[in-house]
Amino acid sequence: MLQNNEEFEILIVDDDIENIQLAVTILKRKHYKLCYAQNGNEAIQIALEKNIDLILLDVNMPDIDGFTVCKTLKSDSKTEEIPIIFLTADTNKKSLLLGFRLGAIDYITKPFNHAELLARVNNHLELKSYRDQLKELALRDGLTGLYNHRSIMERIEEEISSANRRFAPLTMIMLDIDHFKKVNDTYGHQFGDEVLVNITNSLRHSFRKEDIIGRYGGEEFIVILPNANIKQAMLIGEKVRSKVEGLTWKEKKFLVTISLGITLLQHGEKTSDFIKRADDHLYKAKNNGRNLVVSDEI
């Protein structure tokens, strides 16, 4: 069952304002967030701009019909996963099958039956919520809850593309837990997992909300800092290094430190070069005694 209907936004698309008003009257009883459009072009624009969870889409509209709107939305990566329920007075099987082939998940006949509309909307929002949760779990590392290797690499590509388009600074921090193998060998893998989880929690509370943290491998992490130059990233990196060094553990004599390599994206460079430079700085920090931050020359 949905925990908070106010978290879900539904787009109602119909050229008849009375149909929109009726749907709004029915759905607002359950406190969903609602928006509407009276033509296909407006609907597509709203779906692209807002975080829509479900679309109720009229089939017969004068400018662009619902089938065309559905096809357009399903062909765009930004909107392809939004569930679409057709609103139609036409129960012709060929029309209904066409809607399903284009990617709609259901249809509701007009005029609306109040209970049916609420039940179908609730059911499909529940299914979407479950799918979103499963998708999010697939992106996450099982132990730390951070982005896993594959998903952090995808996020790096996205942020590089965005930074290049906007000519905005983007920095990367690659950090590694010092002597982590010795931790596992001395105290066991269970305690090693505890170290990883605690350091992860420390990272979450040390970086900015907009920063993107991923587990790159074993005891190695990558952090992407949008709109941060080298000086800003170095200040954040030093703050993180110091915070981890100050962590206390059940083994009183136990000390964990991290080494960090920091670099600034060069406009137009390859992802592999960006990562390699951060990795080179990390390697230098390790060779220079560990528990250290090394960055580009400034």
C-alpha atoms as a PDB file:
ATOM      1  CA  MET A   1       0.000   0.000   0.000  1.00  0.00           C
ATOM      2  CA  LEU A   2       1.241   3.517  -0.817  1.00  0.00           C
ATOM      3  CA  GLN A   3       2.621   5.291   2.222  1.00  0.00           C
ATOM      4  CA  ASN A   4       2.152   8.926   1.145  1.00  0.00           C
ATOM      5  CA  ASN A   5       0.019   9.823  -1.858  1.00  0.00           C
ATOM      6  CA  GLU A   6       1.301  13.413  -1.762  1.00  0.00           C
ATOM      7  CA  GLU A   7       4.648  12.144  -3.091  1.00  0.00           C
ATOM      8  CA  PHE A   8       3.032  11.105  -6.384  1.00  0.00           C
ATOM      9  CA  GLU A   9       2.218  13.547  -9.184  1.00  0.00           C
ATOM     10  CA  ILE A  10      -0.399  12.673 -11.795  1.00  0.00           C
ATOM     11  CA  LEU A  11      -0.765  14.434 -15.132  1.00  0.00           C
ATOM     12  CA  ILE A  12      -4.334  14.520 -16.505  1.00  0.00           C
ATOM     13  CA  VAL A  13      -4.585  15.159 -20.248  1.00  0.00           C
ATOM     14  CA  ASP A  14      -7.937  15.901 -21.876  1.00  0.00           C
ATOM     15  CA  ASP A  15      -9.175  18.589 -24.263  1.00  0.00           C
ATOM     16  CA  ASP A  16     -12.457  18.749 -22.318  1.00  0.00           C
ATOM     17  CA  ILE A  17     -11.989  20.831 -19.156  1.00  0.00           C
ATOM     18  CA  GLU A  18     -15.060  19.217 -17.555  1.00  0.00           C
ATOM     19  CA  ASN A  19     -13.416  15.781 -17.769  1.00  0.00           C
ATOM     20  CA  ILE A  20     -10.282  17.219 -16.180  1.00  0.00           C
ATOM     21  CA  GLN A  21     -12.297  18.824 -13.390  1.00  0.00           C
ATOM     22  CA  LEU A  22     -14.107  15.550 -12.696  1.00  0.00           C
ATOM     23  CA  ALA A  23     -10.838  13.575 -12.547  1.00  0.00           C
ATOM     24  CA  VAL A  24      -9.328  16.228 -10.253  1.00  0.00           C
ATOM     25  CA  THR A  25     -12.364  16.096  -7.957  1.00  0.00           C
ATOM     26  CA  ILE A  26     -12.082  12.321  -7.664  1.00  0.00           C
ATOM     27  CA  LEU A  27      -8.306  12.091  -7.267  1.00  0.00           C
ATOM     28  CA  LYS A  28      -7.790  14.989  -4.878  1.00  0.00           C
ATOM     29  CA  ARG A  29      -9.684  13.004  -2.228  1.00  0.00           C
ATOM     30  CA  LYS A  30      -6.567  10.824  -2.012  1.00  0.00           C
ATOM     31  CA  HIS A  31      -4.264  13.867  -1.845  1.00  0.00           C
ATOM     32  CA  TYR A  32      -2.258  13.135  -4.993  1.00  0.00           C
ATOM     33  CA  LYS A  33      -0.362  16.011  -6.555  1.00  0.00           C
ATOM     34  CA  LEU A  34      -2.226  16.876  -9.742  1.00  0.00           C
ATOM     35  CA  CYS A  35      -1.487  18.830 -12.896  1.00  0.00           C
ATOM     36  CA  TYR A  36      -3.247  18.923 -16.237  1.00  0.00           C
ATOM     37  CA  ALA A  37      -2.928  19.694 -19.941  1.00  0.00           C
ATOM     38  CA  GLN A  38      -5.631  20.310 -22.558  1.00  0.00           C
ATOM     39  CA  ASN A  39      -3.605  19.312 -25.612  1.00  0.00           C
ATOM     40  CA  GLY A  40      -0.900  16.871 -26.620  1.00  0.00           C
ATOM     41  CA  ASN A  41       1.950  19.346 -27.048  1.00  0.00           C
ATOM     42  CA  GLU A  42       1.377  20.800 -23.596  1.00  0.00           C
ATOM     43  CA  ALA A  43       1.232  17.297 -22.111  1.00  0.00           C
ATOM     44  CA  ILE A  44       4.578  16.333 -23.662  1.00  0.00           C
ATOM     45  CA  GLN A  45       6.191  19.533 -22.389  1.00  0.00           C
ATOM     46  CA  ILE A  46       4.918  19.010 -18.822  1.00  0.00           C
ATOM     47  CA  ALA A  47       6.061  15.376 -18.832  1.00  0.00           C
ATOM     48  CA  LEU A  48       9.560  16.467 -19.873  1.00  0.00           C
ATOM     49  CA  GLU A  49       9.792  19.269 -17.312  1.00  0.00           C
ATOM     50  CA  LYS A  50       8.175  17.694 -14.239  1.00  0.00           C
ATOM     51  CA  ASN A  51       8.705  14.497 -12.302  1.00  0.00           C
ATOM     52  CA  ILE A  52       5.441  12.844 -13.341  1.00  0.00           C
ATOM     53  CA  ASP A  53       4.554   9.461 -11.820  1.00  0.00           C
ATOM     54  CA  LEU A  54       1.443   8.607 -13.858  1.00  0.00           C
ATOM     55  CA  ILE A  55      -0.367  10.039 -16.894  1.00  0.00           C
ATOM     56  CA  LEU A  56      -4.115   9.812 -17.527  1.00  0.00           C
ATOM     57  CA  LEU A  57      -4.266  10.425 -21.279  1.00  0.00           C
ATOM     58  CA  ASP A  58      -7.341  11.100 -23.408  1.00  0.00           C
ATOM     59  CA  VAL A  59      -7.233   9.278 -26.737  1.00  0.00           C
ATOM     60  CA  ASN A  60      -9.295  11.675 -28.870  1.00  0.00           C
ATOM     61  CA  MET A  61      -7.806  15.175 -28.914  1.00  0.00           C
ATOM     62  CA  PRO A  62      -7.913  17.657 -31.808  1.00  0.00           C
ATOM     63  CA  ASP A  63      -4.251  18.595 -32.309  1.00  0.00           C
ATOM     64  CA  ILE A  64      -2.278  15.454 -31.440  1.00  0.00           C
ATOM     65  CA  ASP A  65      -4.220  12.365 -30.450  1.00  0.00           C
ATOM     66  CA  GLY A  66      -3.393  10.316 -27.372  1.00  0.00           C
ATOM     67  CA  PHE A  67      -1.755   7.533 -29.375  1.00  0.00           C
ATOM     68  CA  THR A  68       0.757   9.999 -30.859  1.00  0.00           C
ATOM     69  CA  VAL A  69       1.438  11.538 -27.451  1.00  0.00           C
ATOM     70  CA  CYS A  70       2.019   8.070 -25.991  1.00  0.00           C
ATOM     71  CA  LYS A  71       4.368   7.101 -28.830  1.00  0.00           C
ATOM     72  CA  THR A  72       6.327  10.342 -28.398  1.00  0.00           C
ATOM     73  CA  LEU A  73       6.703   9.912 -24.645  1.00  0.00           C
ATOM     74  CA  LYS A  74       7.716   6.255 -24.942  1.00  0.00           C
ATOM     75  CA  SER A  75      10.424   7.152 -27.479  1.00  0.00           C
ATOM     76  CA  ASP A  76      12.140   9.636 -25.133  1.00  0.00           C
ATOM     77  CA  SER A  77      14.457   8.264 -22.416  1.00  0.00           C
ATOM     78  CA  LYS A  78      13.298  11.002 -20.015  1.00  0.00           C
ATOM     79  CA  THR A  79       9.657   9.940 -20.155  1.00  0.00           C
ATOM     80  CA  GLU A  80       9.608   6.353 -21.425  1.00  0.00           C
ATOM     81  CA  GLU A  81       9.052   4.812 -17.998  1.00  0.00           C
ATOM     82  CA  ILE A  82       6.075   6.969 -16.988  1.00  0.00           C
ATOM     83  CA  PRO A  83       2.984   4.703 -16.787  1.00  0.00           C
ATOM     84  CA  ILE A  84       0.188   5.837 -19.120  1.00  0.00           C
ATOM     85  CA  ILE A  85      -3.499   5.021 -18.649  1.00  0.00           C
ATOM     86  CA  PHE A  86      -5.712   5.887 -21.614  1.00  0.00           C
ATOM     87  CA  LEU A  87      -9.029   7.653 -21.052  1.00  0.00           C
ATOM     88  CA  THR A  88     -11.466   6.705 -23.766  1.00  0.00           C
ATOM     89  CA  ALA A  89     -15.128   6.331 -24.623  1.00  0.00           C
ATOM     90  CA  ASP A  90     -14.124   3.965 -27.431  1.00  0.00           C
ATOM     91  CA  THR A  91     -13.928   0.322 -26.328  1.00  0.00           C
ATOM     92  CA  ASN A  92     -13.103  -0.948 -29.812  1.00  0.00           C
ATOM     93  CA  LYS A  93     -10.608  -3.786 -29.392  1.00  0.00           C
ATOM     94  CA  LYS A  94      -8.361  -2.588 -32.220  1.00  0.00           C
ATOM     95  CA  SER A  95      -8.002   0.821 -30.582  1.00  0.00           C
ATOM     96  CA  LEU A  96      -7.299  -0.710 -27.195  1.00  0.00           C
ATOM     97  CA  LEU A  97      -4.698  -3.100 -28.627  1.00  0.00           C
ATOM     98  CA  LEU A  98      -2.994  -0.217 -30.422  1.00  0.00           C
ATOM     99  CA  GLY A  99      -2.736   1.633 -27.125  1.00  0.00           C
ATOM    100  CA  PHE A 100      -1.140  -1.344 -25.418  1.00  0.00           C
ATOM    101  CA  ARG A 101       1.293  -1.847 -28.306  1.00  0.00           C
ATOM    102  CA  LEU A 102       2.377   1.774 -27.987  1.00  0.00           C
ATOM    103  CA  GLY A 103       3.193   1.243 -24.308  1.00  0.00           C
ATOM    104  CA  ALA A 104       0.072   2.117 -22.317  1.00  0.00           C
ATOM    105  CA  ILE A 105      -0.485  -0.033 -19.242  1.00  0.00           C
ATOM    106  CA  ASP A 106      -4.265   0.287 -18.891  1.00  0.00           C
ATOM    107  CA  TYR A 107      -7.371   2.142 -20.021  1.00  0.00           C
ATOM    108  CA  ILE A 108     -10.369   3.643 -18.255  1.00  0.00           C
ATOM    109  CA  THR A 109     -13.665   4.202 -20.022  1.00  0.00           C
ATOM    110  CA  LYS A 110     -15.471   7.521 -19.906  1.00  0.00           C
ATOM    111  CA  PRO A 111     -17.574   8.620 -18.158  1.00  0.00           C
ATOM    112  CA  PHE A 112     -15.465   7.702 -15.111  1.00  0.00           C
ATOM    113  CA  ASN A 113     -16.579   5.305 -12.466  1.00  0.00           C
ATOM    114  CA  HIS A 114     -15.186   6.939  -9.313  1.00  0.00           C
ATOM    115  CA  ALA A 115     -14.199   3.734  -7.521  1.00  0.00           C
ATOM    116  CA  GLU A 116     -12.651   2.242 -10.663  1.00  0.00           C
ATOM    117  CA  LEU A 117     -10.565   5.344 -11.373  1.00  0.00           C
ATOM    118  CA  LEU A 118      -9.200   5.441  -7.812  1.00  0.00           C
ATOM    119  CA  ALA A 119      -8.494   1.690  -7.758  1.00  0.00           C
ATOM    120  CA  ARG A 120      -6.651   1.635 -11.092  1.00  0.00           C
ATOM    121  CA  VAL A 121      -4.599   4.723 -10.297  1.00  0.00           C
ATOM    122  CA  ASN A 122      -3.646   3.346  -6.881  1.00  0.00           C
ATOM    123  CA  ASN A 123      -2.715  -0.070  -8.282  1.00  0.00           C
ATOM    124  CA  HIS A 124      -0.476   1.326 -11.007  1.00  0.00           C
ATOM    125  CA  LEU A 125       1.224   3.773  -8.654  1.00  0.00           C
ATOM    126  CA  GLU A 126       1.946   0.889  -6.294  1.00  0.00           C
ATOM    127  CA  LEU A 127       3.461  -1.109  -9.161  1.00  0.00           C
ATOM    128  CA  LYS A 128       5.551   1.887 -10.212  1.00  0.00           C
ATOM    129  CA  SER A 129       6.751   2.366  -6.657  1.00  0.00           C
ATOM    130  CA  TYR A 130       7.876  -1.268  -6.463  1.00  0.00           C
ATOM    131  CA  ARG A 131       9.629  -1.015  -9.847  1.00  0.00           C
ATOM    132  CA  ASP A 132      11.409   2.163  -8.767  1.00  0.00           C
ATOM    133  CA  GLN A 133      12.596   0.484  -5.572  1.00  0.00           C
ATOM    134  CA  LEU A 134      13.931  -2.520  -7.484  1.00  0.00           C
ATOM    135  CA  LYS A 135      15.665  -0.259  -9.991  1.00  0.00           C
ATOM    136  CA  GLU A 136      17.269   1.735  -7.187  1.00  0.00           C
ATOM    137  CA  LEU A 137      18.470  -1.463  -5.487  1.00  0.00           C
ATOM    138  CA  ALA A 138      20.080  -2.571  -8.759  1.00  0.00           C
ATOM    139  CA  LEU A 139      22.094   0.675  -8.815  1.00  0.00           C
ATOM    140  CA  ARG A 140      23.376   0.306  -5.269  1.00  0.00           C
ATOM    141  CA  ASP A 141      26.226  -1.561  -3.638  1.00  0.00           C
ATOM    142  CA  GLY A 142      24.781  -4.195  -1.324  1.00  0.00           C
ATOM    143  CA  LEU A 143      27.004  -3.406   1.666  1.00  0.00           C
ATOM    144  CA  THR A 144      27.365   0.374   1.665  1.00  0.00           C
ATOM    145  CA  GLY A 145      24.230   1.473  -0.167  1.00  0.00           C
ATOM    146  CA  LEU A 146      26.354   3.737  -2.382  1.00  0.00           C
ATOM    147  CA  TYR A 147      26.240   3.649  -6.172  1.00  0.00           C
ATOM    148  CA  ASN A 148      27.901   0.460  -7.380  1.00  0.00           C
ATOM    149  CA  HIS A 149      30.725   0.427  -9.938  1.00  0.00           C
ATOM    150  CA  ARG A 150      28.494   0.309 -12.987  1.00  0.00           C
ATOM    151  CA  SER A 151      26.119   3.038 -11.859  1.00  0.00           C
ATOM    152  CA  ILE A 152      28.843   5.436 -10.649  1.00  0.00           C
ATOM    153  CA  MET A 153      30.495   5.101 -14.056  1.00  0.00           C
ATOM    154  CA  GLU A 154      27.177   6.010 -15.689  1.00  0.00           C
ATOM    155  CA  ARG A 155      26.790   9.001 -13.382  1.00  0.00           C
ATOM    156  CA  ILE A 156      30.328  10.166 -14.206  1.00  0.00           C
ATOM    157  CA  GLU A 157      29.454  10.110 -17.919  1.00  0.00           C
ATOM    158  CA  GLU A 158      26.274  12.098 -17.252  1.00  0.00           C
ATOM    159  CA  GLU A 159      28.037  14.714 -15.126  1.00  0.00           C
ATOM    160  CA  ILE A 160      30.882  15.104 -17.638  1.00  0.00           C
ATOM    161  CA  SER A 161      28.352  15.682 -20.416  1.00  0.00           C
ATOM    162  CA  SER A 162      26.483  18.222 -18.298  1.00  0.00           C
ATOM    163  CA  ALA A 163      29.675  20.053 -17.249  1.00  0.00           C
ATOM    164  CA  ASN A 164      30.912  20.248 -20.843  1.00  0.00           C
ATOM    165  CA  ARG A 165      27.582  21.637 -22.054  1.00  0.00           C
ATOM    166  CA  ARG A 166      27.520  24.294 -19.355  1.00  0.00           C
ATOM    167  CA  PHE A 167      31.279  24.968 -19.296  1.00  0.00           C
ATOM    168  CA  ALA A 168      31.011  24.337 -15.544  1.00  0.00           C
ATOM    169  CA  PRO A 169      33.767  22.953 -13.290  1.00  0.00           C
ATOM    170  CA  LEU A 170      33.624  19.297 -12.298  1.00  0.00           C
ATOM    171  CA  THR A 171      36.063  17.647  -9.920  1.00  0.00           C
ATOM    172  CA  MET A 172      36.640  14.044  -9.004  1.00  0.00           C
ATOM    173  CA  ILE A 173      37.943  12.585  -5.776  1.00  0.00           C
ATOM    174  CA  MET A 174      39.259   9.048  -5.748  1.00  0.00           C
ATOM    175  CA  LEU A 175      39.858   7.803  -2.217  1.00  0.00           C
ATOM    176  CA  ASP A 176      41.143   4.571  -0.779  1.00  0.00           C
ATOM    177  CA  ILE A 177      41.216   3.140   2.753  1.00  0.00           C
ATOM    178  CA  ASP A 178      44.845   2.781   3.816  1.00  0.00           C
ATOM    179  CA  HIS A 179      46.136  -0.724   4.648  1.00  0.00           C
ATOM    180  CA  PHE A 180      42.645  -2.199   4.364  1.00  0.00           C
ATOM    181  CA  LYS A 181      43.962  -5.688   3.643  1.00  0.00           C
ATOM    182  CA  LYS A 182      45.703  -5.600   7.011  1.00  0.00           C
ATOM    183  CA  VAL A 183      42.360  -4.703   8.641  1.00  0.00           C
ATOM    184  CA  ASN A 184      40.725  -7.815   7.169  1.00  0.00           C
ATOM    185  CA  ASP A 185      43.722 -10.029   7.949  1.00  0.00           C
ATOM    186  CA  THR A 186      44.037  -8.831  11.553  1.00  0.00           C
ATOM    187  CA  TYR A 187      40.428  -8.342  12.641  1.00  0.00           C
ATOM    188  CA  GLY A 188      38.450 -10.417  10.146  1.00  0.00           C
ATOM    189  CA  HIS A 189      36.150  -9.608   7.253  1.00  0.00           C
ATOM    190  CA  GLN A 190      33.162  -8.881   9.472  1.00  0.00           C
ATOM    191  CA  PHE A 191      35.027  -6.054  11.156  1.00  0.00           C
ATOM    192  CA  GLY A 192      36.307  -5.006   7.724  1.00  0.00           C
ATOM    193  CA  ASP A 193      32.690  -4.643   6.577  1.00  0.00           C
ATOM    194  CA  GLU A 194      31.974  -2.558   9.680  1.00  0.00           C
ATOM    195  CA  VAL A 195      34.848  -0.268   8.728  1.00  0.00           C
ATOM    196  CA  LEU A 196      33.493   0.145   5.200  1.00  0.00           C
ATOM    197  CA  VAL A 197      29.988   0.943   6.460  1.00  0.00           C
ATOM    198  CA  ASN A 198      31.190   3.463   9.054  1.00  0.00           C
ATOM    199  CA  ILE A 199      33.448   5.226   6.572  1.00  0.00           C
ATOM    200  CA  THR A 200      30.565   5.306   4.094  1.00  0.00           C
ATOM    201  CA  ASN A 201      28.384   7.017   6.704  1.00  0.00           C
ATOM    202  CA  SER A 202      31.177   9.496   7.347  1.00  0.00           C
ATOM    203  CA  LEU A 203      31.418  10.251   3.622  1.00  0.00           C
ATOM    204  CA  ARG A 204      27.671  10.823   3.372  1.00  0.00           C
ATOM    205  CA  HIS A 205      27.787  13.423   6.127  1.00  0.00           C
ATOM    206  CA  SER A 206      30.941  15.128   4.860  1.00  0.00           C
ATOM    207  CA  PHE A 207      30.142  15.848   1.227  1.00  0.00           C
ATOM    208  CA  ARG A 208      27.580  18.252  -0.179  1.00  0.00           C
ATOM    209  CA  LYS A 209      24.064  17.110  -1.094  1.00  0.00           C
ATOM    210  CA  GLU A 210      24.808  17.499  -4.800  1.00  0.00           C
ATOM    211  CA  ASP A 211      27.981  15.388  -4.661  1.00  0.00           C
ATOM    212  CA  ILE A 212      27.760  11.843  -6.040  1.00  0.00           C
ATOM    213  CA  ILE A 213      29.467   9.034  -4.137  1.00  0.00           C
ATOM    214  CA  GLY A 214      30.127   5.539  -5.429  1.00  0.00           C
ATOM    215  CA  ARG A 215      32.005   2.433  -4.395  1.00  0.00           C
ATOM    216  CA  TYR A 216      34.499   1.989  -7.220  1.00  0.00           C
ATOM    217  CA  GLY A 217      35.880  -1.320  -5.968  1.00  0.00           C
ATOM    218  CA  GLY A 218      36.751  -3.108  -2.683  1.00  0.00           C
ATOM    219  CA  GLU A 219      37.954  -0.278  -0.440  1.00  0.00           C
ATOM    220  CA  GLU A 220      38.102   2.387  -3.153  1.00  0.00           C
ATOM    221  CA  PHE A 221      35.539   5.139  -3.653  1.00  0.00           C
ATOM    222  CA  ILE A 222      34.880   7.800  -6.281  1.00  0.00           C
ATOM    223  CA  VAL A 223      33.160  11.099  -5.548  1.00  0.00           C
ATOM    224  CA  ILE A 224      31.998  13.522  -8.251  1.00  0.00           C
ATOM    225  CA  LEU A 225      31.664  17.167  -7.225  1.00  0.00           C
ATOM    226  CA  PRO A 226      29.606  19.250  -9.697  1.00  0.00           C
ATOM    227  CA  ASN A 227      30.358  22.977  -9.841  1.00  0.00           C
ATOM    228  CA  ALA A 228      33.416  22.641  -7.596  1.00  0.00           C
ATOM    229  CA  ASN A 229      36.900  23.835  -8.525  1.00  0.00           C
ATOM    230  CA  ILE A 230      40.150  22.320  -7.269  1.00  0.00           C
ATOM    231  CA  LYS A 231      40.443  24.609  -4.236  1.00  0.00           C
ATOM    232  CA  GLN A 232      36.889  23.800  -3.119  1.00  0.00           C
ATOM    233  CA  ALA A 233      37.418  20.083  -3.687  1.00  0.00           C
ATOM    234  CA  MET A 234      40.692  20.137  -1.743  1.00  0.00           C
ATOM    235  CA  LEU A 235      38.991  21.794   1.233  1.00  0.00           C
ATOM    236  CA  ILE A 236      36.237  19.166   1.169  1.00  0.00           C
ATOM    237  CA  GLY A 237      38.772  16.366   0.680  1.00  0.00           C
ATOM    238  CA  GLU A 238      40.864  17.499   3.627  1.00  0.00           C
ATOM    239  CA  LYS A 239      37.742  17.739   5.769  1.00  0.00           C
ATOM    240  CA  VAL A 240      36.840  14.138   4.856  1.00  0.00           C
ATOM    241  CA  ARG A 241      40.393  12.879   5.471  1.00  0.00           C
ATOM    242  CA  SER A 242      40.453  14.497   8.920  1.00  0.00           C
ATOM    243  CA  LYS A 243      36.997  13.232   9.848  1.00  0.00           C
ATOM    244  CA  VAL A 244      37.844   9.624   8.959  1.00  0.00           C
ATOM    245  CA  GLU A 245      41.115   9.844  10.893  1.00  0.00           C
ATOM    246  CA  GLY A 246      39.124  10.969  13.934  1.00  0.00           C
ATOM    247  CA  LEU A 247      36.680   8.054  13.901  1.00  0.00           C
ATOM    248  CA  THR A 248      36.675   5.899  17.024  1.00  0.00           C
ATOM    249  CA  TRP A 249      36.395   2.113  16.989  1.00  0.00           C
ATOM    250  CA  LYS A 250      35.642  -0.696  19.395  1.00  0.00           C
ATOM    251  CA  GLU A 251      39.308  -1.701  19.043  1.00  0.00           C
ATOM    252  CA  LYS A 252      40.766   1.212  21.040  1.00  0.00           C
ATOM    253  CA  LYS A 253      44.188   1.154  19.407  1.00  0.00           C
ATOM    254  CA  PHE A 254      42.706   0.842  15.948  1.00  0.00           C
ATOM    255  CA  LEU A 255      43.156   3.734  13.503  1.00  0.00           C
ATOM    256  CA  VAL A 256      41.750   4.037   9.997  1.00  0.00           C
ATOM    257  CA  THR A 257      42.979   6.624   7.504  1.00  0.00           C
ATOM    258  CA  ILE A 258      42.277   7.340   3.860  1.00  0.00           C
ATOM    259  CA  SER A 259      44.307   8.691   0.948  1.00  0.00           C
ATOM    260  CA  LEU A 260      42.746  10.932  -1.680  1.00  0.00           C
ATOM    261  CA  GLY A 261      43.514  11.963  -5.257  1.00  0.00           C
ATOM    262  CA  ILE A 262      41.679  14.999  -6.646  1.00  0.00           C
ATOM    263  CA  THR A 263      41.491  16.311 -10.210  1.00  0.00           C
ATOM    264  CA  LEU A 264      39.558  18.839 -12.290  1.00  0.00           C
ATOM    265  CA  LEU A 265      37.865  17.846 -15.543  1.00  0.00           C
ATOM    266  CA  GLN A 266      39.523  19.284 -18.633  1.00  0.00           C
ATOM    267  CA  HIS A 267      36.951  20.405 -21.192  1.00  0.00           C
ATOM    268  CA  GLY A 268      36.290  17.732 -23.786  1.00  0.00           C
ATOM    269  CA  GLU A 269      38.535  15.055 -22.272  1.00  0.00           C
ATOM    270  CA  LYS A 270      37.677  11.354 -22.155  1.00  0.00           C
ATOM    271  CA  THR A 271      36.219   9.784 -19.038  1.00  0.00           C
ATOM    272  CA  SER A 272      39.128   7.348 -18.864  1.00  0.00           C
ATOM    273  CA  ASP A 273      41.658  10.213 -18.776  1.00  0.00           C
ATOM    274  CA  PHE A 274      39.692  11.995 -16.062  1.00  0.00           C
ATOM    275  CA  ILE A 275      39.645   8.874 -13.884  1.00  0.00           C
ATOM    276  CA  LYS A 276      43.291   8.019 -14.594  1.00  0.00           C
ATOM    277  CA  ARG A 277      44.489  11.419 -13.413  1.00  0.00           C
ATOM    278  CA  ALA A 278      42.574  11.076 -10.133  1.00  0.00           C
ATOM    279  CA  ASP A 279      43.985   7.569  -9.755  1.00  0.00           C
ATOM    280  CA  ASP A 280      47.537   8.831 -10.404  1.00  0.00           C
ATOM    281  CA  HIS A 281      47.132  11.429  -7.662  1.00  0.00           C
ATOM    282  CA  LEU A 282      45.811   8.748  -5.306  1.00  0.00           C
ATOM    283  CA  TYR A 283      48.817   6.557  -6.115  1.00  0.00           C
ATOM    284  CA  LYS A 284      51.098   9.498  -5.319  1.00  0.00           C
ATOM    285  CA  ALA A 285      49.325  10.043  -1.986  1.00  0.00           C
ATOM    286  CA  LYS A 286      49.885   6.372  -1.141  1.00  0.00           C
ATOM    287  CA  ASN A 287      53.575   6.553  -2.059  1.00  0.00           C
ATOM    288  CA  ASN A 288      54.079   9.750  -0.042  1.00  0.00           C
ATOM    289  CA  GLY A 289      53.048   8.180   3.243  1.00  0.00           C
ATOM    290  CA  ARG A 290      49.234   7.769   3.008  1.00  0.00           C
ATOM    291  CA  ASN A 291      46.618   9.690   5.012  1.00  0.00           C
ATOM    292  CA  LEU A 292      47.170  12.446   2.486  1.00  0.00           C
ATOM    293  CA  VAL A 293      45.378  14.560  -0.139  1.00  0.00           C
ATOM    294  CA  VAL A 294      47.099  15.037  -3.516  1.00  0.00           C
ATOM    295  CA  SER A 295      45.575  17.120  -6.321  1.00  0.00           C
ATOM    296  CA  ASP A 296      46.355  18.888  -9.588  1.00  0.00           C
ATOM    297  CA  GLU A 297      48.961  21.625  -9.427  1.00  0.00           C
ATOM    298  CA  ILE A 298      47.339  24.999  -8.643  1.00  0.00           C
END
